[in-house]
Protein backbone atom coordinates (compact mmCIF):
# COMPACT_ATOMS: atom_id res chain seq x y z
CA UNK A 1 -22.33 59.98 -3.68
CA UNK A 2 -25.32 57.52 -3.63
CA UNK A 3 -24.49 54.10 -2.52
CA UNK A 4 -24.37 51.49 -5.13
CA UNK A 5 -26.66 48.15 -4.73
CA UNK A 6 -25.87 45.33 -7.10
CA UNK A 7 -29.05 44.32 -9.30
CA UNK A 8 -29.48 40.78 -7.25
CA UNK A 9 -30.33 43.09 -4.15
CA UNK A 10 -31.91 45.90 -5.60
CA UNK A 11 -34.35 43.51 -7.70
CA UNK A 12 -35.29 40.78 -5.23
CA UNK A 13 -38.76 39.62 -5.22
CA UNK A 14 -40.72 41.01 -2.60
CA UNK A 15 -44.03 39.36 -3.49
CA UNK A 16 -44.93 36.11 -4.75
CA UNK A 17 -46.25 37.45 -7.92
CA UNK A 18 -42.74 38.78 -8.62
CA UNK A 19 -40.83 35.49 -7.97
CA UNK A 20 -39.56 34.49 -11.67
CA UNK A 21 -39.81 31.00 -12.46
CA UNK A 22 -41.62 29.35 -9.84
CA UNK A 23 -45.53 29.92 -10.43
CA UNK A 24 -46.61 26.29 -9.07
CA UNK A 25 -44.59 26.74 -5.80
CA UNK A 26 -45.61 30.47 -4.98
CA UNK A 27 -49.36 29.49 -5.90
CA UNK A 28 -49.43 26.56 -3.75
CA UNK A 29 -47.79 28.85 -0.67
CA UNK A 30 -50.17 31.55 -1.26
CA UNK A 31 -53.38 28.81 -1.27
CA UNK A 32 -52.11 27.63 2.25
CA UNK A 33 -52.27 31.07 3.53
CA UNK A 34 -55.49 31.87 2.15
CA UNK A 35 -57.11 28.58 3.36
CA UNK A 36 -54.78 28.82 6.46
CA UNK A 37 -53.66 25.51 6.42
CA UNK A 38 -50.01 26.35 7.40
CA UNK A 39 -47.73 23.37 8.62
CA UNK A 40 -45.04 23.57 11.19
CA UNK A 41 -42.03 23.23 9.01
CA UNK A 42 -41.13 23.27 5.05
CA UNK A 43 -38.27 22.48 3.23
CA UNK A 44 -37.16 24.45 0.22
CA UNK A 45 -34.38 22.62 -1.74
CA UNK A 46 -33.06 23.23 -5.29
CA UNK A 47 -30.17 24.91 -7.44
CA UNK A 48 -28.57 28.00 -6.20
CA UNK A 49 -30.09 31.40 -7.04
CA UNK A 50 -33.60 30.14 -7.67
CA UNK A 51 -35.49 31.88 -4.86
CA UNK A 52 -35.37 29.64 -1.90
CA UNK A 53 -34.64 32.04 0.45
CA UNK A 54 -36.65 34.70 -0.77
CA UNK A 55 -39.69 32.87 -0.87
CA UNK A 56 -39.22 32.27 2.76
CA UNK A 57 -39.09 35.63 3.40
CA UNK A 58 -41.78 36.47 1.55
CA UNK A 59 -44.14 33.58 3.23
CA UNK A 60 -43.00 35.09 6.66
CA UNK A 61 -43.61 38.66 5.71
CA UNK A 62 -47.09 37.59 4.18
CA UNK A 63 -48.26 35.09 7.38
CA UNK A 64 -47.40 38.15 9.76
CA UNK A 65 -49.26 40.85 7.70
CA UNK A 66 -52.26 42.54 10.09
CA UNK A 67 -53.73 43.89 6.89
CA UNK A 68 -53.19 41.53 4.14
CA UNK A 69 -54.92 42.74 0.42
CA UNK A 70 -57.46 40.61 -1.16
CA UNK A 71 -55.03 38.48 -3.05
CA UNK A 72 -53.77 37.60 0.31
CA UNK A 73 -50.32 39.22 -0.01
CA UNK A 74 -48.44 41.76 2.42
CA UNK A 75 -49.66 45.35 2.76
CA UNK A 76 -46.32 46.71 3.45
CA UNK A 77 -48.32 49.30 5.61
CA UNK A 78 -48.65 47.83 8.80
CA UNK A 79 -46.31 47.81 11.68
CA UNK A 80 -45.12 44.32 10.77
CA UNK A 81 -44.50 44.87 7.31
CA UNK A 82 -42.56 48.20 8.12
CA UNK A 83 -40.42 46.10 11.08
CA UNK A 84 -39.75 43.45 7.72
CA UNK A 85 -38.81 46.20 5.50
CA UNK A 86 -36.44 48.11 7.81
CA UNK A 87 -35.03 44.73 9.08
CA UNK A 88 -35.94 45.11 12.66
CA UNK A 89 -38.53 42.55 12.89
CA UNK A 90 -38.31 40.53 16.03
CA UNK A 91 -40.93 37.62 14.63
CA UNK A 92 -38.67 36.78 11.62
CA UNK A 93 -35.31 35.04 12.38
CA UNK A 94 -32.93 34.04 10.12
CA UNK A 95 -29.79 31.52 10.80
CA UNK A 96 -26.93 30.56 8.56
CA UNK A 97 -26.31 26.78 9.31
CA UNK A 98 -22.80 27.35 7.36
CA UNK A 99 -21.39 29.16 10.11
CA UNK A 100 -23.84 28.27 13.12
CA UNK A 101 -23.80 24.30 12.87
CA UNK A 102 -22.87 23.21 16.29
CA UNK A 103 -25.47 21.62 19.33
CA UNK A 104 -24.88 24.82 21.06
CA UNK A 105 -26.27 26.81 18.13
CA UNK A 106 -29.34 24.93 17.98
CA UNK A 107 -29.96 24.89 21.68
CA UNK A 108 -29.77 28.52 21.82
CA UNK A 109 -32.39 28.66 18.95
CA UNK A 110 -34.68 26.61 20.69
CA UNK A 111 -34.56 28.54 23.70
CA UNK A 112 -35.75 31.61 21.18
CA UNK A 113 -38.80 29.49 20.33
CA UNK A 114 -40.17 29.41 23.65
CA UNK A 115 -40.45 33.20 23.42
CA UNK A 116 -43.87 34.15 21.78
CA UNK A 117 -44.03 36.87 18.90
CA UNK A 118 -44.53 40.35 20.07
CA UNK A 119 -46.22 41.63 16.82
CA UNK A 120 -48.12 39.62 14.46
CA UNK A 121 -49.28 35.76 15.13
CA UNK A 122 -46.16 33.74 14.32
CA UNK A 123 -42.59 33.40 14.67
CA UNK A 124 -40.62 32.27 11.89
CA UNK A 125 -37.45 30.64 12.02
CA UNK A 126 -35.44 30.57 8.66
CA UNK A 127 -32.46 28.10 8.68
CA UNK A 128 -30.40 28.55 5.62
CA UNK A 129 -28.00 25.76 4.12
CA UNK A 130 -29.44 23.35 6.59
CA UNK A 131 -27.52 20.71 5.06
CA UNK A 132 -24.30 21.95 7.10
CA UNK A 133 -25.57 21.10 10.29
CA UNK A 134 -23.93 18.67 12.33
CA UNK A 135 -25.26 15.18 13.16
CA UNK A 136 -25.34 16.35 17.01
CA UNK A 137 -27.19 19.68 15.97
CA UNK A 138 -29.67 17.95 13.56
CA UNK A 139 -30.75 15.76 16.27
CA UNK A 140 -31.08 18.49 18.78
CA UNK A 141 -33.64 20.30 16.41
CA UNK A 142 -35.70 16.80 16.19
CA UNK A 143 -37.88 17.21 18.87
CA UNK A 144 -38.63 20.91 18.27
CA UNK A 145 -38.91 20.44 14.52
CA UNK A 146 -41.71 17.44 15.35
CA UNK A 147 -43.77 19.42 17.78
CA UNK A 148 -42.67 23.33 18.23
CA UNK A 149 -45.23 25.52 19.65
CA UNK A 150 -48.37 26.75 17.61
CA UNK A 151 -46.98 30.26 16.78
CA UNK A 152 -43.54 28.87 15.68
CA UNK A 153 -42.95 27.56 12.05
CA UNK A 154 -39.59 26.39 10.69
CA UNK A 155 -38.29 26.87 7.43
CA UNK A 156 -35.46 25.15 6.15
CA UNK A 157 -33.61 25.97 3.03
CA UNK A 158 -30.89 23.91 1.21
CA UNK A 159 -29.26 23.19 -2.08
CA UNK A 160 -28.17 20.02 -1.32
CA UNK A 161 -31.36 17.79 -0.41
CA UNK A 162 -29.66 14.21 -0.16
CA UNK A 163 -27.42 15.34 2.68
CA UNK A 164 -30.36 16.18 5.32
CA UNK A 165 -31.52 13.37 7.22
CA UNK A 166 -34.52 11.08 6.31
CA UNK A 167 -35.67 12.15 9.92
CA UNK A 168 -35.59 15.90 8.87
CA UNK A 169 -37.43 15.38 5.77
CA UNK A 170 -40.56 13.28 7.36
CA UNK A 171 -41.16 16.11 9.78
CA UNK A 172 -41.33 18.82 6.79
CA UNK A 173 -43.56 19.83 3.76
CA UNK A 174 -40.90 19.68 0.86
CA UNK A 175 -40.75 22.17 -1.88
CA UNK A 176 -38.60 21.62 -4.98
CA UNK A 177 -37.90 24.63 -6.55
CA UNK A 178 -36.53 24.39 -10.42
CA UNK A 179 -34.03 26.16 -12.49
CA UNK A 180 -35.13 29.14 -14.22
CA UNK A 181 -35.45 28.55 -17.97
CA UNK A 182 -33.71 30.79 -20.17
CA UNK A 183 -36.89 32.48 -21.57
CA UNK A 184 -37.61 33.51 -18.18
CA UNK A 185 -34.09 35.13 -17.39
CA UNK A 186 -34.18 36.76 -20.47
CA UNK A 187 -37.87 38.53 -19.73
CA UNK A 188 -36.33 39.29 -16.52
CA UNK A 189 -33.09 40.94 -17.37
CA UNK A 190 -35.13 42.76 -20.08
CA UNK A 191 -36.96 44.40 -17.36
CA UNK A 192 -33.87 45.11 -15.31
CA UNK A 193 -32.44 46.65 -18.19
CA UNK A 194 -35.57 48.81 -18.74
CA UNK A 195 -35.60 50.22 -15.16
CA UNK A 196 -32.04 50.83 -15.47
CA UNK A 197 -32.13 52.67 -18.77
CA UNK A 198 -29.74 50.17 -20.42
CA UNK A 199 -30.18 49.12 -24.14
CA UNK A 200 -29.29 45.14 -24.03
CA UNK A 201 -29.67 43.11 -27.40
CA UNK A 202 -31.89 40.04 -27.17
CA UNK A 203 -28.53 37.81 -28.01
CA UNK A 204 -26.55 38.93 -25.77
CA UNK A 205 -29.09 38.55 -22.74
CA UNK A 206 -29.52 34.95 -24.29
CA UNK A 207 -25.53 34.79 -23.55
CA UNK A 208 -26.10 35.94 -20.10
CA UNK A 209 -28.98 33.40 -19.57
CA UNK A 210 -26.84 30.57 -20.75
CA UNK A 211 -23.82 31.44 -18.73
CA UNK A 212 -25.98 31.44 -15.55
CA UNK A 213 -27.47 28.02 -16.10
CA UNK A 214 -30.67 28.42 -14.38
CA UNK A 215 -29.74 30.81 -11.38
CA UNK A 216 -31.30 34.42 -11.31
CA UNK A 217 -28.83 35.81 -8.94
CA UNK A 218 -25.96 34.62 -11.03
CA UNK A 219 -27.85 36.12 -14.17
CA UNK A 220 -27.99 39.48 -12.57
CA UNK A 221 -24.38 39.56 -11.32
CA UNK A 222 -23.13 38.74 -14.85
CA UNK A 223 -25.79 41.31 -16.13
CA UNK A 224 -23.94 43.99 -13.59
CA UNK A 225 -20.34 42.96 -14.85
CA UNK A 226 -21.86 43.54 -18.70
CA UNK A 227 -22.85 46.87 -17.47
CA UNK A 228 -19.95 47.76 -15.72
CA UNK A 229 -17.77 46.91 -19.18
CA UNK A 230 -20.36 48.06 -21.82
CA UNK A 231 -22.08 51.11 -20.22
CA UNK A 232 -25.92 51.56 -20.84
CA UNK A 233 -25.38 49.85 -24.76
CA UNK A 234 -24.84 45.97 -24.53
CA UNK A 235 -23.95 44.07 -27.47
CA UNK A 236 -23.95 40.50 -28.75
CA UNK A 237 -20.04 40.71 -29.39
CA UNK A 238 -19.10 42.74 -26.19
CA UNK A 239 -21.12 40.02 -24.25
CA UNK A 240 -19.07 36.74 -25.64
CA UNK A 241 -15.91 39.14 -25.56
CA UNK A 242 -16.19 39.99 -21.27
CA UNK A 243 -17.62 36.69 -20.95
CA UNK A 244 -15.45 34.48 -22.70
CA UNK A 245 -17.63 32.62 -24.57
CA UNK A 246 -17.57 30.88 -27.89
CA UNK A 247 -19.59 32.64 -30.78
CA UNK A 248 -22.45 30.55 -31.74
CA UNK A 249 -21.76 31.53 -35.23
CA UNK A 250 -18.79 29.04 -35.46
CA UNK A 251 -21.13 26.27 -34.82
CA UNK A 252 -23.17 27.22 -37.72
CA UNK A 253 -20.41 27.95 -40.09
CA UNK A 254 -18.68 24.31 -38.99
CA UNK A 255 -22.32 22.72 -40.05
CA UNK A 256 -22.12 24.29 -43.41
CA UNK A 257 -19.03 23.61 -43.95
CA UNK A 258 -19.44 19.88 -43.00
CA UNK A 259 -22.54 19.80 -45.45
CA UNK A 260 -20.35 21.46 -48.09
CA UNK A 261 -17.83 18.62 -47.51
CA UNK A 262 -15.15 21.34 -47.02
CA UNK A 263 -12.43 19.76 -44.67
CA UNK A 264 -10.48 22.80 -45.20
CA UNK A 265 -12.65 25.17 -44.02
CA UNK A 266 -13.50 22.97 -40.95
CA UNK A 267 -10.07 22.74 -39.73
CA UNK A 268 -9.33 26.46 -40.37
CA UNK A 269 -12.59 27.01 -38.25
CA UNK A 270 -11.22 24.93 -35.15
CA UNK A 271 -7.69 26.73 -35.56
CA UNK A 272 -9.26 30.25 -35.15
CA UNK A 273 -11.18 28.73 -32.16
CA UNK A 274 -7.94 27.30 -30.74
CA UNK A 275 -6.03 30.79 -31.57
CA UNK A 276 -8.50 32.86 -29.73
CA UNK A 277 -7.55 30.65 -26.54
CA UNK A 278 -10.58 28.30 -26.33
CA UNK A 279 -10.40 24.79 -25.02
CA UNK A 280 -10.46 22.10 -27.77
CA UNK A 281 -12.83 20.03 -25.43
CA UNK A 282 -15.14 22.46 -24.82
CA UNK A 283 -15.13 23.26 -28.32
CA UNK A 284 -16.29 19.49 -28.67
CA UNK A 285 -19.27 19.90 -26.04
CA UNK A 286 -20.33 23.06 -27.37
CA UNK A 287 -20.53 21.80 -30.73
CA UNK A 288 -22.21 18.79 -29.58
CA UNK A 289 -24.85 20.71 -27.98
CA UNK A 290 -25.54 22.51 -31.38
CA UNK A 291 -26.11 19.52 -33.16
CA UNK A 292 -28.43 18.40 -30.57
CA UNK A 293 -30.09 21.98 -30.82
CA UNK A 294 -30.23 21.49 -34.51
CA UNK A 295 -31.85 17.80 -34.31
CA UNK A 296 -34.73 19.34 -31.70
CA UNK A 297 -35.53 22.10 -34.49
CA UNK A 298 -36.36 20.04 -37.32
CA UNK A 299 -39.74 19.17 -35.85
CA UNK A 300 -42.44 21.55 -34.27
CA UNK A 301 -43.05 18.68 -31.46
CA UNK A 302 -39.47 18.93 -30.27
CA UNK A 303 -38.42 22.56 -30.83
CA UNK A 304 -39.62 23.68 -27.29
CA UNK A 305 -36.86 21.55 -25.88
CA UNK A 306 -34.89 24.35 -27.45
CA UNK A 307 -33.65 26.92 -24.43
CA UNK A 308 -32.90 30.19 -26.33
CA UNK A 309 -34.20 33.05 -27.37
CA UNK A 310 -36.82 33.58 -30.53
CA UNK A 311 -34.25 35.46 -32.72
CA UNK A 312 -31.68 32.59 -32.00
CA UNK A 313 -34.26 29.62 -32.24
CA UNK A 314 -35.07 30.65 -36.16
CA UNK A 315 -31.36 30.32 -36.78
CA UNK A 316 -31.68 26.93 -35.80
CA UNK A 317 -34.81 26.26 -37.55
CA UNK A 318 -33.37 27.54 -40.91
CA UNK A 319 -30.21 25.54 -40.71
CA UNK A 320 -32.26 22.12 -39.44
CA UNK A 321 -34.33 22.50 -42.95
CA UNK A 322 -30.91 22.13 -44.77
CA UNK A 323 -29.88 19.12 -42.51
CA UNK A 324 -30.70 15.56 -43.23
CA UNK A 325 -31.46 13.82 -40.02
CA UNK A 326 -29.46 10.69 -40.53
CA UNK A 327 -26.84 13.14 -40.71
CA UNK A 328 -27.23 14.65 -37.84
CA UNK A 329 -27.58 11.31 -36.27
CA UNK A 330 -24.40 10.16 -37.18
CA UNK A 331 -22.70 13.51 -36.65
CA UNK A 332 -23.87 13.81 -33.02
CA UNK A 333 -22.58 9.95 -32.69
CA UNK A 334 -19.02 11.15 -34.07
CA UNK A 335 -18.51 14.21 -31.74
CA UNK A 336 -19.79 12.27 -28.81
CA UNK A 337 -16.99 9.25 -29.87
CA UNK A 338 -14.74 12.24 -29.97
CA UNK A 339 -15.83 13.62 -26.78
CA UNK A 340 -15.15 9.97 -24.90
CA UNK A 341 -11.57 9.65 -26.95
CA UNK A 342 -10.60 13.25 -26.13
CA UNK A 343 -10.32 12.61 -22.38
CA UNK A 344 -7.48 9.88 -22.90
CA UNK A 345 -5.96 11.32 -26.24
CA UNK A 346 -2.13 12.08 -26.35
CA UNK A 347 -2.56 14.71 -29.14
CA UNK A 348 -6.17 15.88 -28.56
CA UNK A 349 -5.89 18.35 -31.40
CA UNK A 350 -5.59 15.69 -33.72
CA UNK A 351 -8.77 13.91 -32.12
CA UNK A 352 -10.80 16.46 -32.80
CA UNK A 353 -9.27 17.43 -36.29
CA UNK A 354 -10.06 13.60 -37.13
CA UNK A 355 -13.88 14.24 -35.85
CA UNK A 356 -14.24 17.37 -38.13
CA UNK A 357 -12.63 15.22 -41.34
CA UNK A 358 -15.39 12.62 -40.38
CA UNK A 359 -17.99 15.08 -40.32
CA UNK A 360 -17.27 16.54 -43.61
CA UNK A 361 -17.03 12.84 -45.11
CA UNK A 362 -20.34 11.92 -44.31
CA UNK A 363 -22.04 13.47 -47.35
CA UNK A 364 -18.90 13.26 -49.56
CA UNK A 365 -20.18 12.04 -52.86
CA UNK A 366 -16.86 10.56 -53.84
CA UNK A 367 -17.32 7.69 -51.33
CA UNK A 368 -20.71 6.50 -52.97
CA UNK A 369 -19.58 3.32 -55.22
CA UNK A 370 -20.69 3.75 -58.72
CA UNK A 371 -22.75 1.17 -60.20
CA UNK A 372 -20.76 -0.48 -63.14
CA UNK A 373 -22.02 -0.17 -66.93
CA UNK A 374 -23.87 -3.35 -67.26
CA UNK A 375 -22.31 -5.71 -70.11
CA UNK A 376 -24.46 -6.47 -73.17
CA UNK A 377 -26.35 -9.77 -72.92
CA UNK A 378 -25.30 -12.13 -75.22
CA UNK A 379 -27.75 -13.64 -77.65
CA UNK A 380 -27.58 -17.58 -78.31
CA UNK A 381 -29.52 -19.63 -80.79
CA UNK A 382 -31.31 -22.17 -78.52
CA UNK A 383 -30.89 -25.57 -79.48
CA UNK A 384 -34.40 -27.60 -80.28
CA UNK A 385 -34.20 -29.76 -76.89
CA UNK A 386 -33.73 -26.42 -74.72
CA UNK A 387 -36.93 -24.68 -76.68
CA UNK A 388 -38.93 -27.69 -75.93
CA UNK A 389 -37.80 -27.57 -72.24
CA UNK A 390 -38.53 -23.95 -72.34
CA UNK A 391 -41.88 -24.32 -73.57
CA UNK A 392 -42.55 -26.88 -70.87
CA UNK A 393 -41.57 -24.42 -67.92
CA UNK A 394 -43.56 -21.69 -69.16
CA UNK A 395 -46.75 -23.40 -68.27
CA UNK A 396 -45.49 -23.54 -64.63
CA UNK A 397 -45.43 -20.45 -62.35
CA UNK A 398 -41.77 -20.96 -61.62
CA UNK A 399 -40.86 -20.52 -65.29
CA UNK A 400 -40.50 -16.84 -64.34
CA UNK A 401 -37.72 -17.33 -61.53
CA UNK A 402 -36.75 -14.25 -59.55
CA UNK A 403 -33.15 -13.25 -59.15
CA UNK A 404 -31.01 -14.57 -56.37
CA UNK A 405 -30.90 -12.18 -53.45
CA UNK A 406 -27.85 -10.64 -53.07
CA UNK A 407 -24.87 -11.57 -50.67
CA UNK A 408 -23.56 -9.38 -47.64
CA UNK A 409 -20.52 -8.74 -50.41
CA UNK A 410 -22.01 -6.59 -52.96
CA UNK A 411 -22.42 -8.56 -56.25
CA UNK A 412 -22.21 -4.97 -58.21
CA UNK A 413 -18.76 -4.36 -57.10
CA UNK A 414 -16.97 -3.69 -60.58
CA UNK A 415 -15.00 -6.53 -60.60
CA UNK A 416 -17.49 -9.35 -60.20
CA UNK A 417 -20.55 -9.42 -62.62
CA UNK A 418 -23.90 -8.97 -61.82
CA UNK A 419 -26.19 -11.71 -60.03
CA UNK A 420 -28.29 -11.99 -62.85
CA UNK A 421 -25.29 -14.16 -64.59
CA UNK A 422 -25.58 -16.76 -61.88
CA UNK A 423 -25.33 -20.12 -63.30
CA UNK A 424 -28.71 -21.92 -64.01
CA UNK A 425 -30.40 -24.15 -61.96
CA UNK A 426 -28.75 -27.06 -63.78
CA UNK A 427 -25.32 -25.84 -63.11
CA UNK A 428 -26.01 -24.97 -59.62
CA UNK A 429 -24.94 -27.33 -56.86
CA UNK A 430 -27.66 -29.35 -55.02
CA UNK A 431 -28.27 -29.22 -51.42
CA UNK A 432 -26.98 -33.29 -51.63
CA UNK A 433 -23.82 -31.84 -53.31
CA UNK A 434 -23.33 -29.17 -50.70
CA UNK A 435 -23.55 -31.73 -47.79
CA UNK A 436 -26.07 -30.00 -46.04
CA UNK A 437 -29.16 -31.02 -44.05
CA UNK A 438 -32.38 -29.38 -45.26
CA UNK A 439 -34.05 -27.87 -42.41
CA UNK A 440 -37.30 -25.82 -42.20
CA UNK A 441 -35.39 -22.69 -41.31
CA UNK A 442 -34.81 -19.32 -42.55
CA UNK A 443 -31.72 -20.73 -44.31
CA UNK A 444 -33.71 -23.48 -46.34
CA UNK A 445 -35.85 -20.67 -47.65
CA UNK A 446 -32.75 -19.29 -49.71
CA UNK A 447 -32.44 -22.45 -51.70
CA UNK A 448 -36.16 -22.20 -53.03
CA UNK A 449 -36.31 -22.79 -57.00
CA UNK A 450 -38.39 -19.41 -57.15
CA UNK A 451 -35.39 -17.82 -56.03
CA UNK A 452 -33.01 -19.53 -58.57
CA UNK A 453 -32.30 -17.35 -62.08
CA UNK A 454 -33.60 -18.49 -65.25
CA UNK A 455 -31.83 -20.98 -67.53
CA UNK A 456 -30.83 -18.50 -70.28
CA UNK A 457 -27.71 -17.35 -68.72
CA UNK A 458 -25.45 -20.34 -68.68
CA UNK A 459 -22.74 -19.28 -70.75
CA UNK A 460 -22.10 -16.34 -68.71
CA UNK A 461 -20.90 -18.69 -65.68
CA UNK A 462 -17.51 -17.63 -63.94
CA UNK A 463 -15.08 -20.15 -64.05
CA UNK A 464 -11.65 -18.56 -62.67
CA UNK A 465 -8.94 -20.95 -61.70
CA UNK A 466 -7.87 -20.66 -58.08
CA UNK A 467 -5.68 -22.20 -55.61
CA UNK A 468 -6.19 -23.88 -52.25
CA UNK A 469 -4.38 -20.67 -50.48
CA UNK A 470 -6.69 -18.53 -52.24
CA UNK A 471 -9.67 -20.72 -51.20
CA UNK A 472 -8.40 -20.43 -47.39
CA UNK A 473 -8.35 -16.66 -47.55
CA UNK A 474 -11.54 -16.27 -49.00
CA UNK A 475 -12.71 -18.55 -46.25
CA UNK A 476 -11.31 -16.35 -43.56
CA UNK A 477 -12.61 -13.45 -45.08
CA UNK A 478 -16.08 -14.87 -44.16
CA UNK A 479 -15.67 -13.76 -40.50
CA UNK A 480 -16.32 -10.13 -41.83
CA UNK A 481 -19.53 -11.09 -43.25
CA UNK A 482 -21.25 -12.72 -40.32
CA UNK A 483 -20.04 -10.65 -36.99
CA UNK A 484 -23.42 -10.91 -35.55
CA UNK A 485 -23.57 -14.86 -35.77
CA UNK A 486 -21.13 -15.83 -33.64
CA UNK A 487 -21.77 -19.56 -33.53
CA UNK A 488 -21.39 -19.71 -37.45
CA UNK A 489 -17.98 -17.44 -36.84
CA UNK A 490 -16.69 -20.03 -34.33
CA UNK A 491 -17.48 -22.84 -36.92
CA UNK A 492 -15.98 -21.03 -39.90
CA UNK A 493 -12.77 -20.31 -37.74
CA UNK A 494 -12.36 -24.14 -36.78
CA UNK A 495 -13.31 -25.82 -39.90
CA UNK A 496 -10.74 -24.69 -42.74
CA UNK A 497 -11.61 -26.10 -46.28
CA UNK A 498 -9.76 -28.22 -48.34
CA UNK A 499 -9.44 -28.53 -52.06
CA UNK A 500 -10.47 -31.81 -53.55
CA UNK A 501 -10.90 -31.05 -56.94
CA UNK A 502 -10.52 -27.71 -59.16
CA UNK A 503 -14.58 -27.29 -58.59
CA UNK A 504 -15.20 -29.07 -54.97
CA UNK A 505 -13.85 -28.30 -51.69
CA UNK A 506 -14.49 -30.09 -48.47
CA UNK A 507 -14.87 -29.12 -44.82
CA UNK A 508 -15.33 -31.47 -41.56
CA UNK A 509 -17.67 -30.28 -38.96
CA UNK A 510 -17.54 -31.91 -35.38
CA UNK A 511 -20.89 -33.46 -35.02
CA UNK A 512 -24.31 -33.58 -36.90
CA UNK A 513 -25.77 -30.51 -34.88
CA UNK A 514 -23.06 -28.22 -36.37
CA UNK A 515 -23.65 -29.50 -39.91
CA UNK A 516 -27.58 -29.00 -39.47
CA UNK A 517 -26.64 -25.68 -38.31
CA UNK A 518 -24.23 -24.77 -41.01
CA UNK A 519 -27.21 -25.55 -43.52
CA UNK A 520 -28.76 -22.39 -42.51
CA UNK A 521 -26.15 -20.25 -43.84
CA UNK A 522 -24.42 -22.72 -46.50
CA UNK A 523 -26.27 -20.85 -49.66
CA UNK A 524 -24.88 -17.37 -48.38
CA UNK A 525 -21.41 -18.64 -47.40
CA UNK A 526 -21.13 -20.60 -51.26
CA UNK A 527 -22.24 -17.13 -52.59
CA UNK A 528 -19.61 -15.11 -50.85
CA UNK A 529 -16.81 -17.67 -51.48
CA UNK A 530 -17.54 -17.65 -55.16
CA UNK A 531 -17.78 -14.03 -55.44
CA UNK A 532 -14.45 -13.98 -53.79
CA UNK A 533 -12.76 -16.50 -56.22
CA UNK A 534 -14.94 -15.72 -59.36
CA UNK A 535 -15.60 -19.29 -59.82
CA UNK A 536 -19.68 -20.16 -60.10
CA UNK A 537 -18.83 -23.76 -60.47
CA UNK A 538 -17.65 -24.28 -56.79
CA UNK A 539 -19.27 -26.77 -54.83
CA UNK A 540 -19.11 -27.49 -51.08
CA UNK A 541 -19.15 -30.72 -49.26
CA UNK A 542 -19.73 -31.14 -45.38
CA UNK A 543 -18.69 -33.86 -43.61
CA UNK A 544 -19.17 -35.03 -40.12
CA UNK A 545 -15.74 -35.98 -38.25
CA UNK A 546 -15.86 -40.03 -37.18
CA UNK A 547 -15.89 -39.97 -33.50
CA UNK A 548 -13.89 -42.91 -32.06
CA UNK A 549 -14.21 -43.33 -28.36
CA UNK A 550 -10.68 -45.01 -27.12
CA UNK A 551 -10.58 -46.87 -23.65
CA UNK A 552 -8.36 -45.01 -21.38
CA UNK A 553 -6.00 -46.93 -18.80
CA UNK A 554 -7.42 -46.29 -15.24
CA UNK A 555 -6.01 -49.32 -13.39
CA UNK A 556 -2.68 -50.78 -12.85
CA UNK A 557 -3.96 -53.75 -14.51
CA UNK A 558 -5.14 -51.79 -17.39
CA UNK A 559 -2.02 -49.65 -17.46
CA UNK A 560 0.20 -52.98 -17.61
CA UNK A 561 -1.65 -54.62 -20.18
CA UNK A 562 -1.03 -51.25 -22.39
CA UNK A 563 2.19 -51.26 -21.85
CA UNK A 564 3.06 -54.81 -22.52
CA UNK A 565 1.38 -54.46 -26.09
CA UNK A 566 3.54 -51.37 -26.69
CA UNK A 567 6.67 -53.57 -25.73
CA UNK A 568 6.43 -57.30 -24.90
CA UNK A 569 9.58 -57.63 -23.21
CA UNK A 570 8.13 -56.01 -20.42
CA UNK A 571 6.38 -59.34 -19.74
CA UNK A 572 9.53 -61.02 -19.71
CA UNK A 573 10.97 -58.31 -17.19
CA UNK A 574 7.99 -59.04 -14.67
CA UNK A 575 8.57 -62.56 -14.82
CA UNK A 576 12.35 -62.37 -14.15
CA UNK A 577 11.86 -60.02 -11.12
CA UNK A 578 8.87 -61.63 -9.94
CA UNK A 579 7.16 -58.12 -9.69
CA UNK A 580 3.54 -57.78 -8.53
CA UNK A 581 1.04 -55.00 -9.66
CA UNK A 582 -0.15 -52.99 -6.86
């Protein structure tokens, strides 16, 4: 019976050209061999399973080849290449630093460096997992690594570059290996499947590539696992079942349910996922990644950021056409918040369900306020005086005044009339009536005459009676409308209005600066208060509190004088007892 060899060893690259996903590094090494610019020490670093040790072996084999090809690759026929292929070469030495990390092991290696190569030109020393060396072992290696014999070349490999001493890094040429992309992994797996006579769907290989997370060795190991279960025919359903991967179809269906506003379907999908044994936290992160993939698929410039197969990429692009960009932004924010809250939530399932409900309500048409039906405009017969005033105003540009800009509390709500029904210029309180200071600020622009309504709607102004408590309630609600204005909110909280008459209220500020600052927002503040109280006749008067500087008693004489004014008998007591002030 033939011995079985795993795919990671059987299809291990033997030439630079067969290395997957590291074209820039392999080309650099080939150029160094072609121009004979070989360094005495190299450091190969990067994630696991990306070809660090493989490239070190190919490099050592190629520089010792006695008859290199025209492309400067190993010939695989000379004595040096034959000895390397049969694993009996004395020119290439491999040391596992994970188990040989003491000072004695490095001293033994240094003794071997003194021996020149028997066949070939170089003795190559490959130290794998070099970050596992102890502090003493690193120090013992420093001198030899800096000035080795001309025939000695060191190749260090590690997955944790930050653990290597800076003095070691400074003596090496550093090559950073990158993660192997999903597309490159799928192509290599397709090549292996073809060599083995296995029929594997592209979707199944995409699951393997995603699971491998950029490591080719992991991808080949997972591929062997699927072959053991599925035989010569690997399907997508079998792949997700064996590898315990959540089917991406759930994410596609969930997006469609959210776009349709179907809360029940979304909750049933979540329940189906949980029944199959998948963790809710894994579902949240996976769905957030799915939304991100849909977002990058909307633009041809960013679709390259989608790491998946061409078949699944088409599905993402089709769903991206049905999704609004703003909805995707909001959905990503909802899922990101859910991911943050999930870790500390006691009822984790409820946290995820609330997030799904929010997604389904993002486009719910019932949440959009319906504008009220405008009331018919009353027609009144103008008096002769008003006709003459209107004819005189029509000759000036300000006669065609624009409506006042809407306040933060929308005036189009059903409980309040439209802003076109605001009182005319004659009925509006002036700046002096408001007790505000006119300053060249943005707030002053709100009170321009061009922003005031025309004079034909005086009969539609609101005059609903209100109490002092209702005024305070409306004033407290102002803090919600000016959340970004911290200074204004502080003044609104400190200065409570008092009702002077049915149409006049008064506030008292601490100093003239606060009065000037309040003038910037006085127009907007009163619009909101009038809308809350349904009274357009309300005016506001701002006063500055009187500041009386009282002289405080500090010395003993001052204190005695103050106390004697409050109690004249204190003077008699002092005289009778013959007391003295200290």
